[in-house]
Amino acid sequence: MKKNRRVITRRDFLRLTATATVASAAGLSIFAEESQKVDKVESVVKKAKVILVRDANVLDDNKQVNAKILEKMLDDAVTSLTGTSDPVEAWKQIVKPTDIVGVKSNHWNPLRTPAELEEAIKKRLIDAGVKEDKISVGDRGILNNPIFQQATALINSRPMRTHDWAGVGSLIKNYIQFSPSPSSWHNDSCANLAQLWDLPIVKGKTRLNILVLLTPLFHSKGPHNYQEQYTWAYKGLLVGTDPVAIDATGVRIIEAKRRAYFGKDLPFEVSPKHIRLAEEKFHLGIADANRIEVIKSGWMDDVLI
């Protein structure tokens, strides 16, 4: 039994919560200075913050991206997340000028991370003081990329879609290319994907997660299956520091769209159980919707959550 357990007073709670807001936004170790005083961070921080930003005009009638609007959506999400009104100052809470930054994108051809978003992320990293030659955007081949090999910070961004092996392809799964053997993670519906985040090249480095829901894929059958009829112009971004909370929120939106489209609850072809296990087994983040605070802004038509 532990002895001399510290009792957290109201003053302690307010001080620690303020510390957590800044530290979590910067991708730092929350309550690093308090680790000897508090047994569990969970006793103070009980919810994950997820920012949902949408804009009706980010896509034209042909689903082409308006780069300026997408950049503003990213700015709005990051300033909301950090509680800072200026986007550059917000990014300065996320990265330092001395950082080497790998932007983990996703280049699956039918539904890739928009190049416009990659450019917006890179621009803000440079605005925050990171040297351009210390930034790399990549997907396949990142293990051979010197920037990713030396990275002190990672930005994780990919589109949301249904997936034949994992139920959904989203932020947790996006790190599969950090493994020298990606296919080895496909067993049991990719149940152990959260362990990717313990790989030395990844662990503790992720500063920001951006799940793209501009035109999510909400239904598919078979490996790499893509049918445009099962996408829709949701025109959103989900942003935060907790990849599990963001993925869980994305799944709720996809489930709501499936209900609306098919007129009933239609289970995924493969259960995306790796998201639940990321919390319950691997303690990577929060999957429980009751412990996720979704802050919504922008276009609210058919928000589905």
Protein backbone atom coordinates (compact mmCIF):
# COMPACT_ATOMS: atom_id res chain seq x y z
CA MET A 1 0.00 0.00 0.00
CA LYS A 2 1.25 3.45 -0.86
CA LYS A 3 2.04 5.76 2.02
CA ASN A 4 1.89 9.53 2.28
CA ARG A 5 -0.39 9.83 -0.73
CA ARG A 6 -0.77 13.50 -1.58
CA VAL A 7 -4.29 14.93 -1.27
CA ILE A 8 -5.08 17.25 -4.19
CA THR A 9 -6.61 20.50 -3.00
CA ARG A 10 -8.82 22.73 -5.14
CA ARG A 11 -5.87 25.10 -5.55
CA ASP A 12 -3.68 22.20 -6.72
CA PHE A 13 -6.39 21.11 -9.15
CA LEU A 14 -6.64 24.54 -10.76
CA ARG A 15 -2.86 24.88 -10.99
CA LEU A 16 -2.36 21.42 -12.48
CA THR A 17 -5.20 21.86 -14.95
CA ALA A 18 -3.65 25.08 -16.22
CA THR A 19 -0.32 23.30 -16.58
CA ALA A 20 -1.98 20.47 -18.48
CA THR A 21 -3.61 22.79 -21.01
CA VAL A 22 -0.27 24.24 -22.08
CA ALA A 23 1.70 21.02 -21.85
CA SER A 24 -0.77 18.84 -23.73
CA ALA A 25 -1.09 21.38 -26.54
CA ALA A 26 2.68 21.37 -26.95
CA GLY A 27 2.90 17.58 -26.97
CA LEU A 28 4.93 17.70 -23.75
CA SER A 29 4.85 15.34 -20.81
CA ILE A 30 1.83 16.55 -18.84
CA PHE A 31 2.55 17.34 -15.18
CA ALA A 32 6.24 16.47 -15.60
CA GLU A 33 7.04 18.59 -12.55
CA GLU A 34 4.22 17.00 -10.58
CA SER A 35 5.01 13.36 -11.41
CA GLN A 36 6.39 12.76 -7.95
CA LYS A 37 3.32 14.28 -6.31
CA VAL A 38 0.39 12.76 -8.16
CA ASP A 39 0.06 9.03 -8.72
CA LYS A 40 -2.09 9.26 -11.84
CA VAL A 41 -2.63 12.05 -14.34
CA GLU A 42 -6.14 10.63 -14.81
CA SER A 43 -7.07 11.81 -11.35
CA VAL A 44 -6.84 15.38 -12.63
CA VAL A 45 -7.36 15.22 -16.40
CA LYS A 46 -10.46 13.19 -17.19
CA LYS A 47 -11.37 14.34 -20.67
CA ALA A 48 -9.67 14.59 -24.04
CA LYS A 49 -10.28 17.69 -26.14
CA VAL A 50 -11.07 17.23 -29.83
CA ILE A 51 -11.64 20.17 -32.15
CA LEU A 52 -14.04 19.79 -35.09
CA VAL A 53 -13.86 22.55 -37.70
CA ARG A 54 -15.98 22.59 -40.86
CA ASP A 55 -16.42 25.06 -43.71
CA ALA A 56 -19.10 24.78 -46.40
CA ASN A 57 -16.81 26.43 -48.97
CA VAL A 58 -13.64 24.37 -48.52
CA LEU A 59 -14.61 22.22 -51.52
CA ASP A 60 -16.04 23.35 -54.83
CA ASP A 61 -18.68 21.45 -56.80
CA ASN A 62 -15.98 19.11 -58.14
CA LYS A 63 -14.63 18.45 -54.62
CA GLN A 64 -11.49 20.47 -55.32
CA VAL A 65 -9.90 22.00 -52.22
CA ASN A 66 -9.78 25.73 -51.59
CA ALA A 67 -6.30 26.04 -50.11
CA LYS A 68 -6.88 29.34 -48.29
CA ILE A 69 -10.03 28.11 -46.60
CA LEU A 70 -8.38 24.85 -45.60
CA GLU A 71 -5.47 26.76 -44.10
CA LYS A 72 -7.92 28.90 -42.12
CA MET A 73 -9.70 25.75 -40.90
CA LEU A 74 -6.37 24.42 -39.63
CA ASP A 75 -5.60 27.76 -37.98
CA ASP A 76 -9.01 27.85 -36.31
CA ALA A 77 -8.56 24.31 -34.99
CA VAL A 78 -5.06 24.89 -33.61
CA THR A 79 -5.92 28.21 -31.97
CA SER A 80 -8.99 26.64 -30.38
CA LEU A 81 -6.92 23.71 -29.15
CA THR A 82 -4.22 25.88 -27.59
CA GLY A 83 -6.41 28.76 -26.42
CA THR A 84 -4.28 31.20 -28.40
CA SER A 85 -5.80 33.72 -30.78
CA ASP A 86 -2.81 34.01 -33.11
CA PRO A 87 -2.08 30.93 -35.30
CA VAL A 88 1.69 31.42 -35.30
CA GLU A 89 1.79 31.76 -31.53
CA ALA A 90 -0.37 28.65 -31.31
CA TRP A 91 2.11 26.66 -33.41
CA LYS A 92 4.93 27.95 -31.21
CA GLN A 93 3.26 26.04 -28.38
CA ILE A 94 3.39 22.90 -30.51
CA VAL A 95 6.95 22.99 -31.91
CA LYS A 96 10.23 24.71 -31.11
CA PRO A 97 12.67 26.28 -33.61
CA THR A 98 15.18 23.57 -32.72
CA ASP A 99 12.82 20.73 -33.63
CA ILE A 100 13.30 18.35 -36.54
CA VAL A 101 9.77 17.65 -37.75
CA GLY A 102 8.36 14.74 -39.69
CA VAL A 103 4.86 15.26 -41.04
CA LYS A 104 3.37 11.77 -41.38
CA SER A 105 0.96 12.02 -44.24
CA ASN A 106 -0.98 9.37 -46.17
CA HIS A 107 -0.70 9.04 -49.93
CA TRP A 108 -3.23 6.31 -50.73
CA ASN A 109 -4.23 7.46 -54.20
CA PRO A 110 -8.05 7.40 -54.07
CA LEU A 111 -8.16 9.40 -50.82
CA ARG A 112 -4.87 10.96 -49.79
CA THR A 113 -3.98 13.70 -47.33
CA PRO A 114 -4.62 16.84 -49.40
CA ALA A 115 -1.45 18.45 -50.70
CA GLU A 116 -3.00 21.78 -49.67
CA LEU A 117 -3.10 20.61 -46.05
CA GLU A 118 0.48 19.36 -46.20
CA GLU A 119 1.55 22.80 -47.44
CA ALA A 120 -0.48 24.57 -44.73
CA ILE A 121 1.17 22.47 -42.01
CA LYS A 122 4.63 23.08 -43.43
CA LYS A 123 3.97 26.82 -43.68
CA ARG A 124 2.94 27.08 -40.06
CA LEU A 125 5.94 25.01 -38.92
CA ILE A 126 8.24 27.47 -40.70
CA ASP A 127 6.28 30.42 -39.27
CA ALA A 128 6.88 28.93 -35.81
CA GLY A 129 10.62 29.00 -36.44
CA VAL A 130 11.40 25.45 -37.63
CA LYS A 131 13.97 25.51 -40.43
CA GLU A 132 12.61 24.38 -43.77
CA ASP A 133 15.42 21.87 -44.25
CA LYS A 134 14.43 20.29 -40.91
CA ILE A 135 10.90 19.48 -42.12
CA SER A 136 9.83 16.53 -44.26
CA VAL A 137 6.39 15.37 -45.37
CA GLY A 138 6.18 11.66 -46.13
CA ASP A 139 4.34 8.37 -46.04
CA ARG A 140 5.88 5.24 -47.55
CA GLY A 141 9.64 5.15 -47.23
CA ILE A 142 9.82 7.24 -44.09
CA LEU A 143 12.12 4.73 -42.39
CA ASN A 144 14.75 5.67 -44.97
CA ASN A 145 14.10 9.40 -44.64
CA PRO A 146 16.83 11.18 -42.60
CA ILE A 147 14.39 13.76 -41.24
CA PHE A 148 12.05 11.09 -39.89
CA GLN A 149 15.03 9.11 -38.58
CA GLN A 150 16.21 12.15 -36.60
CA ALA A 151 12.82 13.69 -35.85
CA THR A 152 12.21 15.25 -32.46
CA ALA A 153 8.59 16.03 -33.33
CA LEU A 154 5.88 14.43 -35.47
CA ILE A 155 2.68 15.82 -36.96
CA ASN A 156 0.21 13.07 -37.86
CA SER A 157 -2.35 13.67 -40.62
CA ARG A 158 -4.49 11.43 -42.79
CA PRO A 159 -8.04 11.07 -44.21
CA MET A 160 -10.72 9.00 -42.50
CA ARG A 161 -11.98 5.92 -44.34
CA THR A 162 -13.37 2.47 -43.82
CA HIS A 163 -10.71 -0.21 -44.08
CA ASP A 164 -10.89 -3.93 -44.82
CA TRP A 165 -8.27 -5.00 -42.26
CA ALA A 166 -8.74 -2.52 -39.42
CA GLY A 167 -12.36 -1.43 -39.73
CA VAL A 168 -11.23 2.14 -40.28
CA GLY A 169 -8.04 3.74 -41.48
CA SER A 170 -7.35 6.73 -39.29
CA LEU A 171 -4.67 8.29 -37.08
CA ILE A 172 -3.59 5.30 -34.99
CA LYS A 173 -3.13 3.17 -38.08
CA ASN A 174 -1.33 5.95 -39.95
CA TYR A 175 1.88 5.06 -38.10
CA ILE A 176 2.04 1.56 -39.60
CA GLN A 177 4.72 2.73 -42.04
CA PHE A 178 7.04 3.31 -39.07
CA SER A 179 7.24 -0.47 -38.80
CA PRO A 180 9.74 -2.33 -41.01
CA SER A 181 7.03 -4.98 -41.45
CA PRO A 182 3.64 -3.25 -41.83
CA SER A 183 1.79 -6.42 -42.78
CA SER A 184 2.70 -8.03 -39.46
CA TRP A 185 0.21 -5.69 -37.76
CA HIS A 186 -2.81 -6.98 -39.67
CA ASN A 187 -3.58 -9.95 -37.40
CA ASP A 188 -6.82 -10.00 -35.40
CA SER A 189 -8.34 -7.00 -37.16
CA CYS A 190 -5.18 -4.98 -36.49
CA ALA A 191 -5.99 -5.16 -32.78
CA ASN A 192 -2.56 -4.09 -31.56
CA LEU A 193 -1.99 -1.02 -33.73
CA ALA A 194 -1.57 1.19 -30.67
CA GLN A 195 1.76 -0.56 -30.00
CA LEU A 196 3.13 1.24 -33.06
CA TRP A 197 3.20 4.34 -30.90
CA ASP A 198 5.74 2.68 -28.61
CA LEU A 199 8.28 2.20 -31.40
CA PRO A 200 11.45 4.20 -30.60
CA ILE A 201 11.17 6.23 -33.80
CA VAL A 202 7.69 7.37 -32.68
CA LYS A 203 7.35 7.22 -28.91
CA GLY A 204 6.64 10.54 -27.25
CA LYS A 205 7.20 12.61 -30.39
CA THR A 206 3.69 13.32 -31.70
CA ARG A 207 2.72 16.94 -31.13
CA LEU A 208 -0.47 17.20 -33.19
CA ASN A 209 -2.98 14.86 -34.86
CA ILE A 210 -5.16 15.96 -37.78
CA LEU A 211 -7.86 13.63 -39.09
CA VAL A 212 -9.13 14.79 -42.48
CA LEU A 213 -12.89 14.49 -43.05
CA LEU A 214 -13.26 16.53 -46.22
CA THR A 215 -14.69 13.58 -48.19
CA PRO A 216 -14.58 10.55 -45.85
CA LEU A 217 -15.16 7.03 -47.14
CA PHE A 218 -17.96 5.56 -44.99
CA HIS A 219 -18.41 2.13 -46.60
CA SER A 220 -16.24 -0.35 -48.52
CA LYS A 221 -15.70 -4.06 -49.07
CA GLY A 222 -12.40 -5.76 -49.79
CA PRO A 223 -8.78 -4.59 -49.56
CA HIS A 224 -8.17 -1.07 -50.87
CA ASN A 225 -11.76 -0.83 -52.08
CA TYR A 226 -12.91 2.66 -53.01
CA GLN A 227 -16.25 3.71 -54.46
CA GLU A 228 -16.92 7.43 -54.72
CA GLN A 229 -20.62 6.86 -54.06
CA TYR A 230 -19.65 5.98 -50.48
CA THR A 231 -17.91 9.30 -49.88
CA TRP A 232 -19.57 12.58 -49.01
CA ALA A 233 -18.58 16.21 -48.66
CA TYR A 234 -18.44 16.49 -44.89
CA LYS A 235 -15.87 19.29 -45.23
CA GLY A 236 -14.27 18.89 -41.82
CA LEU A 237 -11.06 18.47 -39.83
CA LEU A 238 -10.72 16.78 -36.43
CA VAL A 239 -7.69 18.07 -34.53
CA GLY A 240 -6.16 17.33 -31.13
CA THR A 241 -3.31 15.80 -29.19
CA ASP A 242 -5.03 12.48 -28.42
CA PRO A 243 -5.15 10.22 -31.52
CA VAL A 244 -7.47 7.74 -29.82
CA ALA A 245 -10.04 10.38 -28.94
CA ILE A 246 -9.94 11.78 -32.47
CA ASP A 247 -10.27 8.35 -34.08
CA ALA A 248 -13.15 7.43 -31.76
CA THR A 249 -14.89 10.69 -32.67
CA GLY A 250 -14.32 10.03 -36.36
CA VAL A 251 -15.87 6.59 -36.02
CA ARG A 252 -18.97 8.11 -34.42
CA ILE A 253 -19.36 10.44 -37.41
CA ILE A 254 -18.89 7.56 -39.87
CA GLU A 255 -21.42 5.44 -37.95
CA ALA A 256 -23.95 8.28 -38.07
CA LYS A 257 -23.46 8.64 -41.81
CA ARG A 258 -23.92 4.90 -42.32
CA ARG A 259 -27.21 5.02 -40.38
CA ALA A 260 -28.41 7.96 -42.45
CA TYR A 261 -27.39 6.34 -45.75
CA PHE A 262 -28.50 2.74 -45.16
CA GLY A 263 -31.47 3.52 -42.91
CA LYS A 264 -30.25 1.25 -40.13
CA ASP A 265 -27.28 0.46 -37.92
CA LEU A 266 -24.92 -1.35 -40.27
CA PRO A 267 -21.86 -2.82 -38.55
CA PHE A 268 -18.47 -2.31 -40.16
CA GLU A 269 -17.25 -5.24 -42.22
CA VAL A 270 -14.39 -5.46 -39.69
CA SER A 271 -14.71 -4.08 -36.18
CA PRO A 272 -12.39 -1.10 -35.52
CA LYS A 273 -11.68 -2.58 -32.11
CA HIS A 274 -8.08 -1.37 -32.16
CA ILE A 275 -9.38 2.06 -31.11
CA ARG A 276 -11.07 0.70 -27.99
CA LEU A 277 -8.02 -1.44 -27.22
CA ALA A 278 -5.78 1.59 -27.63
CA GLU A 279 -7.39 2.89 -24.46
CA GLU A 280 -8.20 -0.27 -22.54
CA LYS A 281 -5.07 -2.31 -23.25
CA PHE A 282 -2.38 0.11 -24.34
CA HIS A 283 -3.42 3.33 -22.55
CA LEU A 284 -2.56 5.46 -25.57
CA GLY A 285 -5.54 7.78 -25.14
CA ILE A 286 -9.27 8.02 -24.51
CA ALA A 287 -11.85 6.16 -26.62
CA ASP A 288 -14.83 6.55 -24.28
CA ALA A 289 -17.19 9.14 -25.81
CA ASN A 290 -18.24 10.24 -22.32
CA ARG A 291 -14.68 11.40 -21.67
CA ILE A 292 -14.18 13.23 -24.96
CA GLU A 293 -15.04 16.91 -25.25
CA VAL A 294 -15.80 17.74 -28.90
CA ILE A 295 -15.57 21.48 -29.57
CA LYS A 296 -17.36 22.30 -32.82
CA SER A 297 -17.04 25.41 -34.95
CA GLY A 298 -17.91 26.57 -38.45
CA TRP A 299 -20.53 24.96 -40.69
CA MET A 300 -23.03 22.94 -38.67
CA ASP A 301 -25.31 21.44 -41.33
CA ASP A 302 -25.51 17.65 -40.92
CA VAL A 303 -22.68 17.71 -38.39
CA LEU A 304 -23.71 14.19 -37.24
CA ILE A 305 -22.21 14.48 -33.77
